[in-house]
Amino acid sequence: MTSVIQKAGGLGTVPGPQPRSQFHGRRRPGELIIKTVLRLAAILTIVTTAGILVALLIPSLSLFR
């Protein structure tokens, strides 16, 4: 079964094995550091948001008592 692209003349690509990158099968050198920094930033954001909510809820709860 031929596709529409093949009927129209194709894209000029030849099927076959794709070239492998030099990092195929292993992580890039700084990937672990970047992932760790991003996770710490996400955790810090959640903790900051929770702190803001607590800081706003405590005075508002005492206002309605």
C-alpha atoms as a PDB file:
ATOM      1  CA  MET A   1       0.000   0.000   0.000  1.00  0.00           C
ATOM      2  CA  THR A   2       1.524   3.315  -1.017  1.00  0.00           C
ATOM      3  CA  SER A   3       0.940   6.540   0.803  1.00  0.00           C
ATOM      4  CA  VAL A   4      -0.137   9.852  -0.657  1.00  0.00           C
ATOM      5  CA  ILE A   5       3.390  11.215  -0.274  1.00  0.00           C
ATOM      6  CA  GLN A   6       4.883   8.311  -2.221  1.00  0.00           C
ATOM      7  CA  LYS A   7       2.304   8.751  -5.005  1.00  0.00           C
ATOM      8  CA  ALA A   8       3.099  12.473  -5.191  1.00  0.00           C
ATOM      9  CA  GLY A   9       6.789  11.868  -5.659  1.00  0.00           C
ATOM     10  CA  GLY A  10       7.893  11.386  -2.065  1.00  0.00           C
ATOM     11  CA  LEU A  11      10.011  13.544   0.153  1.00  0.00           C
ATOM     12  CA  GLY A  12      13.302  12.278  -1.227  1.00  0.00           C
ATOM     13  CA  THR A  13      14.044  10.158   1.826  1.00  0.00           C
ATOM     14  CA  VAL A  14      15.412   6.677   1.547  1.00  0.00           C
ATOM     15  CA  PRO A  15      14.187   4.127   4.075  1.00  0.00           C
ATOM     16  CA  GLY A  16      16.884   2.564   6.139  1.00  0.00           C
ATOM     17  CA  PRO A  17      18.625   2.746   9.478  1.00  0.00           C
ATOM     18  CA  GLN A  18      18.795   6.150  11.076  1.00  0.00           C
ATOM     19  CA  PRO A  19      22.181   7.500  12.190  1.00  0.00           C
ATOM     20  CA  ARG A  20      22.783   7.083  15.904  1.00  0.00           C
ATOM     21  CA  SER A  21      23.729  10.006  18.044  1.00  0.00           C
ATOM     22  CA  GLN A  22      26.836   9.815  20.144  1.00  0.00           C
ATOM     23  CA  PHE A  23      24.692   9.732  23.287  1.00  0.00           C
ATOM     24  CA  HIS A  24      22.411   6.889  22.184  1.00  0.00           C
ATOM     25  CA  GLY A  25      21.549   4.694  25.152  1.00  0.00           C
ATOM     26  CA  ARG A  26      23.091   6.915  27.813  1.00  0.00           C
ATOM     27  CA  ARG A  27      22.295  10.237  29.385  1.00  0.00           C
ATOM     28  CA  ARG A  28      23.898  13.456  28.335  1.00  0.00           C
ATOM     29  CA  PRO A  29      26.595  14.776  30.686  1.00  0.00           C
ATOM     30  CA  GLY A  30      24.592  17.574  32.377  1.00  0.00           C
ATOM     31  CA  GLU A  31      21.171  15.935  32.247  1.00  0.00           C
ATOM     32  CA  LEU A  32      21.171  14.694  35.846  1.00  0.00           C
ATOM     33  CA  ILE A  33      22.233  18.107  37.159  1.00  0.00           C
ATOM     34  CA  ILE A  34      19.561  19.912  35.141  1.00  0.00           C
ATOM     35  CA  LYS A  35      16.837  17.469  36.217  1.00  0.00           C
ATOM     36  CA  THR A  36      17.863  17.857  39.863  1.00  0.00           C
ATOM     37  CA  VAL A  37      17.804  21.664  39.649  1.00  0.00           C
ATOM     38  CA  LEU A  38      14.379  21.609  37.977  1.00  0.00           C
ATOM     39  CA  ARG A  39      12.978  19.242  40.615  1.00  0.00           C
ATOM     40  CA  LEU A  40      14.317  21.448  43.408  1.00  0.00           C
ATOM     41  CA  ALA A  41      12.762  24.499  41.740  1.00  0.00           C
ATOM     42  CA  ALA A  42       9.414  22.679  41.488  1.00  0.00           C
ATOM     43  CA  ILE A  43       9.546  21.670  45.157  1.00  0.00           C
ATOM     44  CA  LEU A  44      10.485  25.216  46.173  1.00  0.00           C
ATOM     45  CA  THR A  45       7.526  26.560  44.189  1.00  0.00           C
ATOM     46  CA  ILE A  46       5.115  24.185  45.929  1.00  0.00           C
ATOM     47  CA  VAL A  47       6.502  25.013  49.376  1.00  0.00           C
ATOM     48  CA  THR A  48       6.319  28.749  48.650  1.00  0.00           C
ATOM     49  CA  THR A  49       2.718  28.458  47.481  1.00  0.00           C
ATOM     50  CA  ALA A  50       1.782  26.471  50.589  1.00  0.00           C
ATOM     51  CA  GLY A  51       3.493  29.097  52.759  1.00  0.00           C
ATOM     52  CA  ILE A  52       1.562  31.898  51.086  1.00  0.00           C
ATOM     53  CA  LEU A  53      -1.708  30.041  51.596  1.00  0.00           C
ATOM     54  CA  VAL A  54      -0.973  29.475  55.284  1.00  0.00           C
ATOM     55  CA  ALA A  55       0.077  33.116  55.708  1.00  0.00           C
ATOM     56  CA  LEU A  56      -3.221  34.242  54.192  1.00  0.00           C
ATOM     57  CA  LEU A  57      -5.468  31.693  55.895  1.00  0.00           C
ATOM     58  CA  ILE A  58      -4.319  32.249  59.498  1.00  0.00           C
ATOM     59  CA  PRO A  59      -5.230  35.961  59.647  1.00  0.00           C
ATOM     60  CA  SER A  60      -8.447  35.408  57.728  1.00  0.00           C
ATOM     61  CA  LEU A  61      -9.555  32.597  60.066  1.00  0.00           C
ATOM     62  CA  SER A  62      -8.907  34.751  63.108  1.00  0.00           C
ATOM     63  CA  LEU A  63     -10.931  37.544  61.488  1.00  0.00           C
ATOM     64  CA  PHE A  64     -14.031  35.333  61.171  1.00  0.00           C
ATOM     65  CA  ARG A  65     -13.966  34.041  64.774  1.00  0.00           C
END
